[in-house]
Amino acid sequence: MTGMIHSEDALSLHFGGPPLPDQVAHSLREAIEDGRLVSGQRLPSEPLLAGQLGVSRATLRQALAILTQEGLLIRQHGRGTFVSALPRSALHGNLSELMSTTQMIRERGYKPGIALCQFEVTAVSTEIAEKFQASKDALFLHISRIRLANGHPAVYSEEYLAANVLGPEALSLQEGIEDWSLYEQLQRVGIEIAFATCKVAPIIADEVMAAHLRIAVGHPLLLLKQLHYTKMNQPVLYSENYHNCEFIEFQTVRK
């Protein structure tokens, strides 16, 4: 089997740590993320895999159930267990942590990319202008992007910032196919984002969004509306990101 998992180098058991099925699931999850187990690959039989990992079949079944629920594995009756072609909920973001979409995709082991990138200098709605405490005649740079994870549409982004803040060099960004972080571009011109307010809303895809994300009309999406500020409480970036719920989820810590 390609990408064989061995207990001595892939699974570390800790007394007093997480339950053993969770440790096994974590080991297999890492193997998927770093490419030792690849999309569409069939796992060994349960007895063989349990032996390779040095755990009981009952423990292995619980671990496989965890990964199946996460969408990382697909279990087919009579055929076996397979690594998903595009794992559901493979991308996780923490709503309490400020992180760019590019960073979120990259940290989960996927290659970020762009299927569409359009720049437009334009006036904006009164609602958006008011977020920046700007006049209705102020001009903004409006960036529309389809964000990819391993070539699959993951997020459709609408981003707004003052028209000249990034300088003329920014226009070259729309010519390439490689993904780039707007946070990093702002850092390039000396603007550091310190915090953001975020509104989260579940919505369904209309015809336009369905075409952007290659999904069916009515498919569930998660819309994040974020207004980003400097440490001096100055708003510098407003974004509306439409996340494909097939394989992106968010989490937060409640106290």
Protein backbone atom coordinates (compact mmCIF):
# COMPACT_ATOMS: atom_id res chain seq x y z
CA MET A 1 0.00 0.00 0.00
CA THR A 2 1.33 3.45 -0.95
CA GLY A 3 1.81 5.68 2.07
CA MET A 4 1.78 2.82 4.59
CA ILE A 5 1.06 3.91 8.16
CA HIS A 6 3.23 2.34 10.83
CA SER A 7 2.62 2.64 14.53
CA GLU A 8 6.24 3.41 15.36
CA ASP A 9 6.46 6.53 13.16
CA ALA A 10 2.88 7.68 12.73
CA LEU A 11 1.08 7.01 15.99
CA SER A 12 2.20 8.08 19.42
CA LEU A 13 0.11 6.85 22.35
CA HIS A 14 0.02 8.90 25.53
CA PHE A 15 -1.41 7.69 28.79
CA GLY A 16 -3.68 10.34 30.24
CA GLY A 17 -3.96 12.02 26.83
CA PRO A 18 -6.86 12.00 24.36
CA PRO A 19 -8.88 8.77 24.00
CA LEU A 20 -7.11 6.18 21.86
CA PRO A 21 -9.62 6.37 18.95
CA ASP A 22 -8.98 10.13 18.79
CA GLN A 23 -5.22 9.52 18.66
CA VAL A 24 -5.65 6.99 15.85
CA ALA A 25 -7.93 9.41 13.98
CA HIS A 26 -5.35 12.15 14.42
CA SER A 27 -2.61 9.89 13.02
CA LEU A 28 -4.65 9.02 9.94
CA ARG A 29 -5.75 12.63 9.50
CA GLU A 30 -2.11 13.75 9.42
CA ALA A 31 -1.32 11.03 6.88
CA ILE A 32 -4.05 12.41 4.62
CA GLU A 33 -2.96 16.00 5.07
CA ASP A 34 0.72 15.37 4.33
CA GLY A 35 0.03 13.14 1.32
CA ARG A 36 0.98 9.71 2.67
CA LEU A 37 -2.64 8.76 2.04
CA VAL A 38 -3.95 10.28 -1.20
CA SER A 39 -7.40 11.10 -2.54
CA GLY A 40 -9.26 8.03 -3.79
CA GLN A 41 -6.87 5.59 -2.13
CA ARG A 42 -8.40 2.52 -0.47
CA LEU A 43 -7.25 1.76 3.05
CA PRO A 44 -6.09 -1.75 3.99
CA SER A 45 -8.65 -4.09 5.53
CA GLU A 46 -9.55 -3.40 9.15
CA PRO A 47 -7.54 -6.34 10.55
CA LEU A 48 -4.46 -5.35 8.55
CA LEU A 49 -4.69 -1.64 9.34
CA ALA A 50 -5.36 -2.30 13.03
CA GLY A 51 -2.26 -4.50 13.08
CA GLN A 52 -0.17 -1.84 11.37
CA LEU A 53 -1.25 0.75 13.93
CA GLY A 54 -1.01 -1.61 16.90
CA VAL A 55 -4.60 -1.09 18.08
CA SER A 56 -7.72 -3.22 18.37
CA ARG A 57 -10.27 -3.40 15.56
CA ALA A 58 -12.85 -1.77 17.86
CA THR A 59 -10.53 1.21 18.40
CA LEU A 60 -9.84 1.45 14.68
CA ARG A 61 -13.57 1.37 13.84
CA GLN A 62 -14.19 4.29 16.20
CA ALA A 63 -11.34 6.24 14.61
CA LEU A 64 -12.65 5.53 11.09
CA ALA A 65 -16.10 6.65 12.19
CA ILE A 66 -14.65 9.98 13.36
CA LEU A 67 -12.91 10.57 10.03
CA THR A 68 -15.97 9.46 8.06
CA GLN A 69 -18.09 11.98 9.95
CA GLU A 70 -15.52 14.68 9.15
CA GLY A 71 -15.72 13.73 5.48
CA LEU A 72 -12.08 12.68 5.21
CA LEU A 73 -13.02 9.05 4.51
CA ILE A 74 -15.79 7.36 2.54
CA ARG A 75 -16.90 3.87 3.56
CA GLN A 76 -18.45 1.82 0.74
CA HIS A 77 -20.27 -1.37 1.66
CA GLY A 78 -18.58 -4.39 0.14
CA ARG A 79 -15.67 -2.35 -1.25
CA GLY A 80 -13.85 -0.88 1.71
CA THR A 81 -12.85 2.53 3.05
CA PHE A 82 -11.45 5.24 0.76
CA VAL A 83 -9.84 8.64 1.20
CA SER A 84 -12.27 11.30 -0.03
CA ALA A 85 -11.51 12.96 -3.35
CA LEU A 86 -12.29 16.30 -1.74
CA PRO A 87 -12.67 15.92 2.02
CA ARG A 88 -15.66 17.57 3.58
CA SER A 89 -14.79 20.00 6.36
CA ALA A 90 -11.12 19.60 5.47
CA LEU A 91 -10.56 23.32 5.94
CA HIS A 92 -11.15 24.61 9.43
CA GLY A 93 -10.99 28.22 10.56
CA ASN A 94 -11.14 29.59 14.06
CA LEU A 95 -13.50 32.56 14.29
CA SER A 96 -11.58 33.87 17.29
CA GLU A 97 -8.32 33.96 15.31
CA LEU A 98 -7.64 36.56 12.62
CA MET A 99 -6.35 34.64 9.61
CA SER A 100 -6.36 35.28 5.87
CA THR A 101 -8.14 32.86 3.57
CA THR A 102 -4.83 32.12 1.86
CA GLN A 103 -3.25 31.22 5.19
CA MET A 104 -6.20 29.07 6.22
CA ILE A 105 -6.02 27.05 2.99
CA ARG A 106 -2.24 26.70 3.13
CA GLU A 107 -2.13 25.64 6.80
CA ARG A 108 -4.50 22.75 6.07
CA GLY A 109 -2.01 21.37 3.55
CA TYR A 110 -3.75 22.54 0.38
CA LYS A 111 -2.41 24.65 -2.44
CA PRO A 112 -4.22 27.98 -2.67
CA GLY A 113 -5.09 29.39 -6.07
CA ILE A 114 -7.39 31.73 -7.95
CA ALA A 115 -9.92 30.93 -10.67
CA LEU A 116 -10.99 34.53 -11.16
CA CYS A 117 -9.55 37.85 -9.99
CA GLN A 118 -11.03 41.19 -11.01
CA PHE A 119 -10.05 44.69 -9.87
CA GLU A 120 -12.33 47.69 -10.21
CA VAL A 121 -11.98 51.25 -8.92
CA THR A 122 -15.51 52.37 -8.21
CA ALA A 123 -17.92 54.12 -5.92
CA VAL A 124 -19.62 51.80 -3.42
CA SER A 125 -22.97 51.57 -1.73
CA THR A 126 -23.81 54.00 1.05
CA GLU A 127 -23.72 51.09 3.50
CA ILE A 128 -20.12 50.19 2.64
CA ALA A 129 -18.96 53.82 2.48
CA GLU A 130 -20.33 54.40 5.97
CA LYS A 131 -18.26 51.52 7.31
CA PHE A 132 -15.15 53.48 6.32
CA GLN A 133 -16.67 56.81 7.45
CA ALA A 134 -16.20 57.95 3.85
CA SER A 135 -18.34 60.16 1.64
CA LYS A 136 -20.68 58.58 -0.89
CA ASP A 137 -18.45 59.89 -3.70
CA ALA A 138 -15.26 58.27 -2.38
CA LEU A 139 -13.58 55.74 -4.66
CA PHE A 140 -12.68 52.24 -3.53
CA LEU A 141 -10.74 49.33 -4.94
CA HIS A 142 -13.19 46.44 -5.31
CA ILE A 143 -11.55 43.01 -5.64
CA SER A 144 -13.56 39.93 -6.63
CA ARG A 145 -11.86 36.54 -6.33
CA ILE A 146 -12.70 32.83 -6.45
CA ARG A 147 -10.34 31.16 -3.98
CA LEU A 148 -9.24 27.61 -4.71
CA ALA A 149 -8.04 24.75 -2.51
CA ASN A 150 -6.18 22.19 -4.63
CA GLY A 151 -8.02 23.51 -7.66
CA HIS A 152 -11.51 23.33 -6.12
CA PRO A 153 -13.58 26.49 -5.51
CA ALA A 154 -13.64 27.03 -1.75
CA VAL A 155 -14.48 30.69 -1.20
CA TYR A 156 -15.85 33.55 -3.28
CA SER A 157 -14.51 36.87 -1.96
CA GLU A 158 -15.67 40.46 -2.39
CA GLU A 159 -13.15 42.89 -0.85
CA TYR A 160 -13.15 46.67 -0.55
CA LEU A 161 -10.45 49.14 0.47
CA ALA A 162 -9.49 52.73 -0.33
CA ALA A 163 -8.67 53.09 -4.02
CA ASN A 164 -5.02 54.08 -3.77
CA VAL A 165 -3.96 52.35 -0.57
CA LEU A 166 -2.05 49.48 -2.26
CA GLY A 167 -0.37 51.62 -4.91
CA PRO A 168 -0.10 50.92 -8.68
CA GLU A 169 1.82 47.67 -8.11
CA ALA A 170 -1.38 46.03 -6.91
CA LEU A 171 -2.88 45.95 -10.40
CA SER A 172 -0.37 43.27 -11.45
CA LEU A 173 -1.91 40.89 -8.91
CA GLN A 174 -4.98 40.30 -11.06
CA GLU A 175 -2.86 38.97 -13.91
CA GLY A 176 -1.53 35.83 -12.18
CA ILE A 177 -3.10 32.51 -11.24
CA GLU A 178 -1.31 32.13 -7.91
CA ASP A 179 -3.23 33.06 -4.80
CA TRP A 180 -2.07 35.99 -2.68
CA SER A 181 -3.01 37.42 0.68
CA LEU A 182 -4.52 40.88 0.95
CA TYR A 183 -3.26 41.01 4.54
CA GLU A 184 0.29 40.62 3.21
CA GLN A 185 -0.27 43.28 0.55
CA LEU A 186 -1.41 45.73 3.22
CA GLN A 187 1.67 44.89 5.28
CA ARG A 188 3.78 45.68 2.21
CA VAL A 189 2.56 49.30 2.32
CA GLY A 190 2.95 49.54 6.10
CA ILE A 191 -0.63 48.78 7.17
CA GLU A 192 -1.02 46.14 9.87
CA ILE A 193 -4.47 44.71 10.56
CA ALA A 194 -4.93 44.42 14.32
CA PHE A 195 -8.47 43.09 14.63
CA ALA A 196 -11.75 42.63 12.79
CA THR A 197 -15.43 42.50 13.54
CA CYS A 198 -17.21 39.56 11.95
CA LYS A 199 -20.86 38.84 11.20
CA VAL A 200 -21.71 35.26 10.22
CA ALA A 201 -24.84 34.31 8.29
CA PRO A 202 -25.97 31.00 6.77
CA ILE A 203 -27.33 31.54 3.27
CA ILE A 204 -28.09 29.51 0.17
CA ALA A 205 -26.43 29.91 -3.22
CA ASP A 206 -28.23 31.86 -5.92
CA GLU A 207 -27.46 31.32 -9.61
CA VAL A 208 -24.47 33.67 -9.59
CA MET A 209 -22.84 32.17 -6.52
CA ALA A 210 -23.59 28.64 -7.70
CA ALA A 211 -21.71 29.36 -10.93
CA HIS A 212 -18.74 30.86 -9.06
CA LEU A 213 -18.38 27.91 -6.67
CA ARG A 214 -19.52 25.13 -9.08
CA ILE A 215 -22.38 24.07 -6.83
CA ALA A 216 -26.14 23.70 -7.20
CA VAL A 217 -28.53 26.58 -6.68
CA GLY A 218 -29.80 26.33 -3.12
CA HIS A 219 -26.58 24.83 -1.80
CA PRO A 220 -25.77 26.01 1.78
CA LEU A 221 -23.07 28.67 2.14
CA LEU A 222 -21.58 30.48 5.10
CA LEU A 223 -21.22 34.24 4.60
CA LEU A 224 -18.63 36.08 6.68
CA LYS A 225 -18.85 39.87 6.64
CA GLN A 226 -15.68 41.32 8.17
CA LEU A 227 -14.53 44.86 8.79
CA HIS A 228 -10.79 45.03 9.49
CA TYR A 229 -9.11 47.71 11.59
CA THR A 230 -5.62 48.97 12.42
CA LYS A 231 -4.53 49.21 16.04
CA MET A 232 -5.60 52.88 15.87
CA ASN A 233 -9.20 51.70 15.25
CA GLN A 234 -9.12 52.85 11.64
CA PRO A 235 -11.14 50.68 9.22
CA VAL A 236 -9.02 49.66 6.23
CA LEU A 237 -10.66 46.60 4.66
CA TYR A 238 -14.19 45.29 4.32
CA SER A 239 -14.77 41.77 2.97
CA GLU A 240 -17.68 39.48 2.23
CA ASN A 241 -16.53 35.88 1.90
CA TYR A 242 -18.92 33.16 0.74
CA HIS A 243 -17.64 29.81 2.02
CA ASN A 244 -18.61 26.51 0.40
CA CYS A 245 -19.96 24.48 3.34
CA GLU A 246 -19.07 21.24 1.59
CA PHE A 247 -15.54 21.41 2.91
CA ILE A 248 -15.04 24.51 5.04
CA GLU A 249 -16.19 24.91 8.60
CA PHE A 250 -15.40 27.32 11.41
CA GLN A 251 -15.04 26.87 15.11
CA THR A 252 -14.81 29.12 18.13
CA VAL A 253 -14.12 28.76 21.82
CA ARG A 254 -16.89 29.68 24.25
CA LYS A 255 -16.10 30.42 27.89
